N, C-alpha and C. Protein backbone atom coordinates (compact mmCIF):
# COMPACT_ATOMS: atom_id res chain seq x y z
N MET A 1 60.13 -206.99 169.38
CA MET A 1 60.14 -205.39 170.09
C MET A 1 60.42 -204.34 169.53
N LYS A 2 61.26 -204.50 168.62
CA LYS A 2 62.29 -204.05 167.65
C LYS A 2 61.05 -203.13 166.44
N ASN A 3 60.48 -204.34 165.98
CA ASN A 3 59.63 -203.72 164.83
C ASN A 3 58.42 -202.79 165.42
N LYS A 4 57.84 -203.21 166.99
CA LYS A 4 56.81 -202.52 167.49
C LYS A 4 57.50 -200.71 167.74
N LYS A 5 58.73 -200.30 167.78
CA LYS A 5 59.14 -199.23 168.01
C LYS A 5 59.43 -198.97 166.77
N ILE A 6 59.31 -199.28 165.38
CA ILE A 6 59.49 -198.90 164.04
C ILE A 6 58.03 -198.64 164.00
N LEU A 7 57.08 -199.35 164.06
CA LEU A 7 55.72 -199.01 163.81
C LEU A 7 55.06 -198.20 164.42
N TRP A 8 55.57 -197.96 165.72
CA TRP A 8 55.47 -196.57 166.44
C TRP A 8 55.81 -195.06 166.09
N GLY A 9 57.04 -195.55 165.46
CA GLY A 9 57.61 -194.44 165.08
C GLY A 9 56.88 -193.93 163.75
N VAL A 10 56.47 -194.82 162.96
CA VAL A 10 55.93 -194.54 161.80
C VAL A 10 54.36 -193.97 161.92
N GLY A 11 54.02 -194.61 162.81
CA GLY A 11 52.53 -194.21 162.84
C GLY A 11 52.69 -192.68 163.55
N GLY A 12 53.48 -192.04 164.17
CA GLY A 12 53.92 -190.86 164.91
C GLY A 12 54.04 -189.68 163.61
N ILE A 13 54.83 -189.84 162.63
CA ILE A 13 55.02 -189.54 161.67
C ILE A 13 53.99 -189.37 160.89
N VAL A 14 53.12 -190.28 160.69
CA VAL A 14 51.89 -190.44 159.79
C VAL A 14 51.02 -189.46 160.62
N ALA A 15 50.47 -189.61 161.73
CA ALA A 15 49.87 -188.84 162.51
C ALA A 15 50.13 -187.17 162.89
N VAL A 16 51.33 -186.78 162.63
CA VAL A 16 52.02 -185.49 162.37
C VAL A 16 51.53 -184.89 160.91
N LEU A 17 52.05 -185.64 160.03
CA LEU A 17 51.60 -185.35 158.73
C LEU A 17 50.27 -185.14 158.31
N LEU A 18 49.32 -185.87 159.15
CA LEU A 18 47.73 -186.11 159.19
C LEU A 18 47.45 -184.71 159.74
N ALA A 19 47.86 -184.48 160.79
CA ALA A 19 47.57 -183.50 161.51
C ALA A 19 48.10 -181.76 160.85
N PHE A 20 49.18 -181.96 160.08
CA PHE A 20 49.75 -180.69 159.36
C PHE A 20 48.48 -180.78 158.27
N ILE A 21 48.08 -181.68 157.75
CA ILE A 21 47.16 -181.48 156.44
C ILE A 21 45.69 -181.05 157.00
N ILE A 22 45.05 -181.55 158.16
CA ILE A 22 44.00 -180.90 158.50
C ILE A 22 44.05 -179.72 158.79
N VAL A 23 45.23 -179.07 159.66
CA VAL A 23 45.54 -178.08 160.16
C VAL A 23 45.52 -176.80 159.00
N THR A 24 46.21 -177.33 157.98
CA THR A 24 46.68 -176.18 156.49
C THR A 24 45.13 -176.41 155.85
N ALA A 25 44.15 -177.53 155.91
CA ALA A 25 43.50 -177.61 154.99
C ALA A 25 42.35 -176.82 155.66
N THR A 26 42.27 -176.44 156.68
CA THR A 26 40.89 -175.85 157.45
C THR A 26 41.62 -174.38 157.61
N LEU A 27 42.45 -173.77 156.92
CA LEU A 27 43.22 -172.25 156.90
C LEU A 27 42.83 -171.64 156.23
N PRO A 28 42.14 -170.27 155.98
CA PRO A 28 41.62 -169.70 155.26
C PRO A 28 42.38 -169.65 153.84
N GLN A 29 41.88 -169.95 152.61
CA GLN A 29 43.16 -169.91 151.23
C GLN A 29 43.82 -169.15 151.53
N GLU A 30 43.37 -167.86 152.08
CA GLU A 30 44.12 -166.35 151.86
C GLU A 30 45.76 -166.44 152.42
N LYS A 31 45.45 -167.16 153.73
CA LYS A 31 46.49 -167.45 154.42
C LYS A 31 47.65 -168.37 154.32
N VAL A 32 47.01 -169.65 153.38
CA VAL A 32 47.51 -170.20 152.97
C VAL A 32 48.79 -169.81 151.92
N THR A 33 47.81 -168.98 150.85
CA THR A 33 48.14 -168.79 149.76
C THR A 33 49.68 -167.32 150.09
N ASN A 34 49.14 -166.76 151.06
CA ASN A 34 49.98 -165.47 151.49
C ASN A 34 51.23 -166.37 151.92
N ALA A 35 51.16 -167.48 152.59
CA ALA A 35 52.60 -168.22 153.17
C ALA A 35 53.48 -168.58 152.28
N LEU A 36 53.11 -168.64 150.80
CA LEU A 36 53.54 -169.75 150.15
C LEU A 36 54.76 -168.41 149.16
N PRO A 37 55.99 -169.17 149.29
CA PRO A 37 56.93 -168.08 148.73
C PRO A 37 56.74 -168.07 147.02
N HIS A 38 56.20 -166.94 146.66
CA HIS A 38 56.43 -166.86 145.09
C HIS A 38 56.86 -165.43 144.71
N LYS A 39 57.14 -165.14 143.52
CA LYS A 39 57.48 -163.84 143.40
C LYS A 39 56.12 -163.26 142.55
N LEU A 40 55.90 -162.02 142.79
CA LEU A 40 54.40 -161.09 142.25
C LEU A 40 55.39 -161.11 140.63
N THR A 41 54.17 -160.90 139.84
CA THR A 41 54.32 -160.74 138.44
C THR A 41 54.02 -159.21 138.48
N PRO A 42 54.48 -158.32 137.33
CA PRO A 42 54.16 -156.91 137.60
C PRO A 42 52.56 -156.41 138.46
N SER A 43 51.45 -157.23 137.32
CA SER A 43 50.12 -156.56 137.64
C SER A 43 49.99 -157.37 139.44
N GLU A 44 50.62 -158.37 139.42
CA GLU A 44 50.43 -158.63 141.12
C GLU A 44 51.11 -157.91 141.77
N THR A 45 52.32 -157.04 141.43
CA THR A 45 52.78 -156.23 142.58
C THR A 45 51.40 -154.87 142.74
N ILE A 46 50.89 -154.42 141.33
CA ILE A 46 49.99 -153.10 141.37
C ILE A 46 49.07 -153.98 142.32
N VAL A 47 48.42 -155.09 142.37
CA VAL A 47 47.04 -155.05 142.81
C VAL A 47 47.56 -155.27 144.24
N ALA A 48 48.50 -155.76 144.68
CA ALA A 48 49.34 -155.68 146.41
C ALA A 48 49.54 -154.37 146.53
N PHE A 49 50.20 -153.74 145.83
CA PHE A 49 50.40 -151.98 146.36
C PHE A 49 48.85 -151.70 146.33
N ASN A 50 47.68 -151.92 145.63
CA ASN A 50 46.59 -151.08 145.81
C ASN A 50 46.09 -151.70 147.24
N LYS A 51 46.07 -152.78 147.41
CA LYS A 51 45.51 -153.65 148.30
C LYS A 51 46.03 -152.75 150.15
N ALA A 52 47.10 -153.03 149.87
CA ALA A 52 47.69 -152.53 150.95
C ALA A 52 47.52 -150.95 150.88
N ALA A 53 47.63 -150.18 150.12
CA ALA A 53 47.21 -148.94 150.20
C ALA A 53 45.79 -148.47 150.71
N LYS A 54 44.85 -149.56 150.14
CA LYS A 54 43.46 -148.93 150.51
C LYS A 54 43.41 -149.47 151.90
N ALA A 55 44.20 -150.09 152.50
CA ALA A 55 43.71 -150.39 154.10
C ALA A 55 45.03 -149.43 154.97
N GLY A 56 45.76 -148.79 154.11
CA GLY A 56 45.97 -147.62 154.73
C GLY A 56 47.55 -148.36 155.35
N GLN A 57 48.09 -149.56 154.92
CA GLN A 57 49.68 -149.91 155.62
C GLN A 57 50.38 -149.57 154.95
N ILE A 58 51.00 -148.51 155.09
CA ILE A 58 52.10 -147.49 154.41
C ILE A 58 53.50 -148.27 154.21
N GLU A 59 53.76 -149.10 155.71
CA GLU A 59 54.92 -150.08 155.11
C GLU A 59 54.80 -150.90 154.31
N GLU A 60 53.86 -151.69 153.97
CA GLU A 60 53.64 -152.80 153.66
C GLU A 60 53.64 -152.42 152.13
N THR A 61 53.29 -151.14 151.71
CA THR A 61 53.19 -150.62 150.36
C THR A 61 54.64 -150.11 149.76
N LYS A 62 55.36 -149.62 150.72
CA LYS A 62 56.80 -149.69 150.32
C LYS A 62 57.54 -150.45 149.98
N LYS A 63 57.13 -152.21 149.88
CA LYS A 63 57.65 -153.48 149.08
C LYS A 63 57.31 -153.18 147.77
N TYR A 64 56.70 -152.84 147.27
CA TYR A 64 56.34 -152.71 145.74
C TYR A 64 56.42 -151.55 145.12
N VAL A 65 57.29 -150.56 145.91
CA VAL A 65 57.53 -149.54 145.01
C VAL A 65 59.47 -149.35 145.16
N ALA A 66 59.98 -148.79 143.74
CA ALA A 66 61.23 -148.54 143.56
C ALA A 66 62.05 -147.81 144.48
N SER A 67 63.16 -148.12 144.87
CA SER A 67 64.09 -147.56 146.08
C SER A 67 64.06 -146.15 145.92
N ASP A 68 64.31 -145.98 144.22
CA ASP A 68 64.43 -144.33 143.72
C ASP A 68 63.26 -143.55 144.39
N ILE A 69 62.42 -144.11 144.11
CA ILE A 69 60.91 -143.44 144.59
C ILE A 69 60.59 -142.76 145.65
N LEU A 70 61.11 -143.88 146.58
CA LEU A 70 61.06 -143.82 148.13
C LEU A 70 62.00 -142.68 148.34
N THR A 71 63.20 -142.97 147.96
CA THR A 71 64.40 -141.88 148.38
C THR A 71 63.97 -140.18 147.74
N GLY A 72 63.27 -140.62 146.68
CA GLY A 72 62.83 -139.38 146.62
C GLY A 72 61.73 -138.45 147.41
N PHE A 73 60.91 -139.39 147.87
CA PHE A 73 60.08 -138.74 148.38
C PHE A 73 60.70 -138.38 150.16
N GLU A 74 61.92 -138.85 150.37
CA GLU A 74 62.53 -138.49 151.60
C GLU A 74 63.12 -137.19 151.36
N ASN A 75 63.55 -136.98 149.76
CA ASN A 75 64.27 -135.78 149.78
C ASN A 75 63.71 -134.68 149.17
N GLY A 76 61.87 -135.26 149.23
CA GLY A 76 61.35 -133.99 149.40
C GLY A 76 60.89 -133.60 147.71
N ALA A 77 61.27 -134.65 147.13
CA ALA A 77 60.82 -134.71 145.05
C ALA A 77 59.35 -134.69 144.93
N PHE A 78 58.37 -134.96 146.19
CA PHE A 78 57.35 -134.62 145.35
C PHE A 78 56.51 -133.81 146.88
N PRO A 79 56.65 -132.68 146.49
CA PRO A 79 56.34 -131.74 147.81
C PRO A 79 54.64 -131.63 147.75
N HIS A 80 53.81 -132.03 146.53
CA HIS A 80 52.43 -131.67 146.86
C HIS A 80 52.12 -132.91 147.56
N TYR A 81 52.42 -134.00 148.16
CA TYR A 81 52.11 -134.99 148.96
C TYR A 81 52.33 -134.53 150.39
N GLY A 82 53.59 -133.82 150.27
CA GLY A 82 54.17 -133.74 152.06
C GLY A 82 54.94 -134.87 152.27
N SER A 83 54.51 -136.34 152.26
CA SER A 83 55.52 -137.10 152.24
C SER A 83 54.88 -138.25 151.99
N TYR A 84 55.47 -139.37 151.89
CA TYR A 84 54.90 -140.90 151.23
C TYR A 84 53.92 -141.12 152.22
N GLY A 85 53.85 -141.05 153.38
CA GLY A 85 52.66 -141.18 154.10
C GLY A 85 51.40 -140.51 153.58
N GLY A 86 51.67 -138.77 152.75
CA GLY A 86 50.63 -138.28 152.25
C GLY A 86 50.22 -138.94 151.27
N PHE A 87 50.80 -139.26 150.57
CA PHE A 87 50.73 -139.44 149.09
C PHE A 87 49.69 -140.93 149.20
N ILE A 88 50.10 -142.04 150.10
CA ILE A 88 49.16 -143.42 150.50
C ILE A 88 47.73 -142.80 150.88
N SER A 89 48.00 -141.82 151.68
CA SER A 89 46.62 -141.29 152.58
C SER A 89 45.42 -140.72 151.15
N GLU A 90 46.30 -139.62 150.28
CA GLU A 90 45.51 -139.22 149.12
C GLU A 90 45.12 -140.04 148.00
N TYR A 91 45.98 -141.57 148.05
CA TYR A 91 45.66 -142.30 147.11
C TYR A 91 44.50 -143.15 147.65
N LYS A 92 44.45 -143.91 149.01
CA LYS A 92 43.56 -144.47 149.70
C LYS A 92 42.42 -143.75 149.63
N ASN A 93 42.28 -142.43 150.00
CA ASN A 93 40.74 -141.38 150.09
C ASN A 93 40.43 -141.35 148.22
N ASN A 94 40.92 -141.15 147.54
CA ASN A 94 40.34 -141.15 146.31
C ASN A 94 40.71 -142.40 145.29
N THR A 95 40.98 -143.65 145.39
CA THR A 95 40.64 -144.88 144.81
C THR A 95 39.55 -145.72 145.50
N LYS A 96 38.91 -145.72 144.50
CA LYS A 96 37.61 -146.73 145.04
C LYS A 96 37.58 -147.89 144.43
N SER A 97 38.33 -148.40 143.34
CA SER A 97 38.59 -149.73 142.51
C SER A 97 40.01 -149.40 141.55
N LEU A 98 40.00 -150.78 141.14
CA LEU A 98 41.37 -150.62 140.26
C LEU A 98 41.34 -152.12 139.88
N LYS A 99 41.10 -151.81 138.29
CA LYS A 99 41.23 -152.77 137.48
C LYS A 99 42.02 -153.37 136.27
N ILE A 100 43.19 -154.38 136.28
CA ILE A 100 44.22 -154.51 135.53
C ILE A 100 43.78 -154.61 134.11
N VAL A 101 44.57 -154.16 132.96
CA VAL A 101 43.63 -154.36 131.52
C VAL A 101 44.43 -155.21 130.61
N ASN A 102 46.11 -154.62 130.70
CA ASN A 102 47.23 -155.07 130.09
C ASN A 102 48.64 -155.13 130.67
N GLU A 103 49.16 -156.16 130.85
CA GLU A 103 50.36 -156.28 131.17
C GLU A 103 51.73 -155.96 129.90
N GLU A 104 52.49 -156.06 129.71
CA GLU A 104 53.49 -156.07 128.69
C GLU A 104 55.33 -155.96 129.86
N ILE A 105 55.92 -157.14 129.60
CA ILE A 105 57.24 -157.22 130.06
C ILE A 105 58.22 -157.07 128.91
N LYS A 106 59.22 -156.19 129.05
CA LYS A 106 60.69 -156.15 128.28
C LYS A 106 61.53 -156.51 129.00
N GLY A 107 62.25 -157.48 129.45
CA GLY A 107 63.12 -157.74 130.35
C GLY A 107 63.43 -157.43 131.33
N GLU A 108 63.66 -156.35 132.16
CA GLU A 108 63.73 -155.98 133.46
C GLU A 108 63.08 -154.72 133.81
N SER A 109 62.01 -154.34 132.47
CA SER A 109 60.93 -153.52 132.98
C SER A 109 59.62 -154.27 132.53
N ALA A 110 58.72 -153.00 132.49
CA ALA A 110 57.21 -153.93 132.93
C ALA A 110 56.43 -152.57 132.57
N THR A 111 55.15 -152.74 131.87
CA THR A 111 54.24 -151.74 131.76
C THR A 111 53.08 -152.42 132.15
N VAL A 112 52.18 -152.25 133.15
CA VAL A 112 50.94 -152.34 133.17
C VAL A 112 49.68 -151.47 133.13
N ASN A 113 48.64 -151.56 132.27
CA ASN A 113 47.71 -150.69 132.18
C ASN A 113 46.43 -151.06 132.81
N ALA A 114 45.74 -150.17 133.82
CA ALA A 114 44.74 -150.27 134.93
C ALA A 114 43.59 -149.21 134.28
N LYS A 115 42.41 -149.63 134.82
CA LYS A 115 41.46 -148.46 135.15
C LYS A 115 41.28 -148.53 136.36
N LEU A 116 41.29 -147.12 137.11
CA LEU A 116 41.47 -146.75 138.44
C LEU A 116 39.92 -146.16 138.27
N LYS A 117 39.19 -146.31 139.27
CA LYS A 117 37.86 -145.65 139.82
C LYS A 117 37.80 -144.95 141.02
N ASP A 118 37.47 -143.65 140.73
CA ASP A 118 37.76 -142.66 141.93
C ASP A 118 36.37 -143.10 142.91
N GLN A 119 36.15 -142.22 144.22
CA GLN A 119 35.02 -142.37 144.83
C GLN A 119 33.77 -141.54 144.23
N ASN A 120 33.87 -141.04 143.30
CA ASN A 120 32.59 -140.05 142.47
C ASN A 120 32.30 -141.23 141.19
N ASP A 121 33.11 -142.20 141.20
CA ASP A 121 32.70 -143.59 140.12
C ASP A 121 33.65 -143.11 138.83
N PHE A 122 34.45 -142.06 138.83
CA PHE A 122 35.07 -141.68 137.61
C PHE A 122 35.90 -142.56 136.90
N GLU A 123 36.38 -142.96 136.31
CA GLU A 123 37.23 -144.04 135.60
C GLU A 123 38.55 -143.46 134.88
N GLU A 124 39.62 -143.50 135.13
CA GLU A 124 40.93 -142.89 134.60
C GLU A 124 41.69 -144.15 134.19
N ASP A 125 42.16 -143.95 133.11
CA ASP A 125 43.50 -145.18 132.54
C ASP A 125 44.50 -144.78 133.17
N GLU A 126 45.33 -145.76 133.66
CA GLU A 126 46.53 -145.41 134.57
C GLU A 126 47.85 -146.46 134.01
N GLU A 127 48.85 -145.83 133.65
CA GLU A 127 49.80 -146.60 133.48
C GLU A 127 51.10 -146.55 134.16
N TYR A 128 50.97 -148.10 134.74
CA TYR A 128 52.23 -148.07 135.82
C TYR A 128 53.54 -148.92 134.84
N LEU A 129 54.92 -148.03 135.31
CA LEU A 129 55.80 -148.41 134.78
C LEU A 129 56.56 -149.17 136.33
N LEU A 130 57.22 -150.24 135.47
CA LEU A 130 57.96 -151.12 136.77
C LEU A 130 59.22 -151.68 136.18
N ILE A 131 60.35 -151.74 137.43
CA ILE A 131 61.33 -152.31 137.01
C ILE A 131 61.85 -153.57 137.94
N LYS A 132 62.71 -154.29 137.76
CA LYS A 132 63.29 -155.36 138.30
C LYS A 132 64.11 -154.68 139.02
N GLU A 133 64.05 -155.09 140.64
CA GLU A 133 64.82 -154.52 141.52
C GLU A 133 65.08 -155.69 142.63
N ASP A 134 66.40 -155.99 143.07
CA ASP A 134 66.71 -157.30 143.70
C ASP A 134 65.71 -158.52 143.24
N GLY A 135 65.42 -158.53 142.13
CA GLY A 135 64.65 -159.76 141.51
C GLY A 135 63.03 -159.49 141.75
N LYS A 136 62.62 -158.44 142.34
CA LYS A 136 61.26 -158.48 142.30
C LYS A 136 60.76 -157.08 141.48
N TRP A 137 59.60 -157.22 140.91
CA TRP A 137 59.14 -156.07 140.38
C TRP A 137 58.65 -154.81 141.28
N LYS A 138 59.11 -153.78 140.54
CA LYS A 138 58.39 -152.31 141.75
C LYS A 138 58.14 -151.41 140.94
N ILE A 139 57.29 -150.75 141.70
CA ILE A 139 56.52 -149.68 141.06
C ILE A 139 57.81 -148.53 141.14
N ALA A 140 57.99 -148.05 139.56
CA ALA A 140 59.00 -146.99 139.15
C ALA A 140 58.45 -146.06 138.61
N GLN A 141 56.99 -146.17 138.47
CA GLN A 141 56.67 -144.33 137.81
C GLN A 141 54.81 -144.98 138.03
């Protein structure tokens, strides 16, 4: 009788694990990888910022920007945008695509070079400066 309980217990655990594997395998890969905890590289930070900005997700973009830049927006340091939301709106409306060209990491700072294409297909070189803030890469310039 005791052996049957053990077999049912093991069988139950196997069934739960199998169900988890099936559910995970059938999820779109983006949902699976988005759930994985990993720290973004400087280039991945730029790409994530670009994706969130193009989707108009203002709060999401703030995760990728250094705190002193956000404070600067709060204190009116960038009046030509009006606000951080104005900056994101302008970025969204003017940026058609982004292509990472190069990444260089030096200790707690990094430089990412990218090619930005605007809505008129004009391509411009952009250099992003990033710093490590709370263990994560953040856009500092």
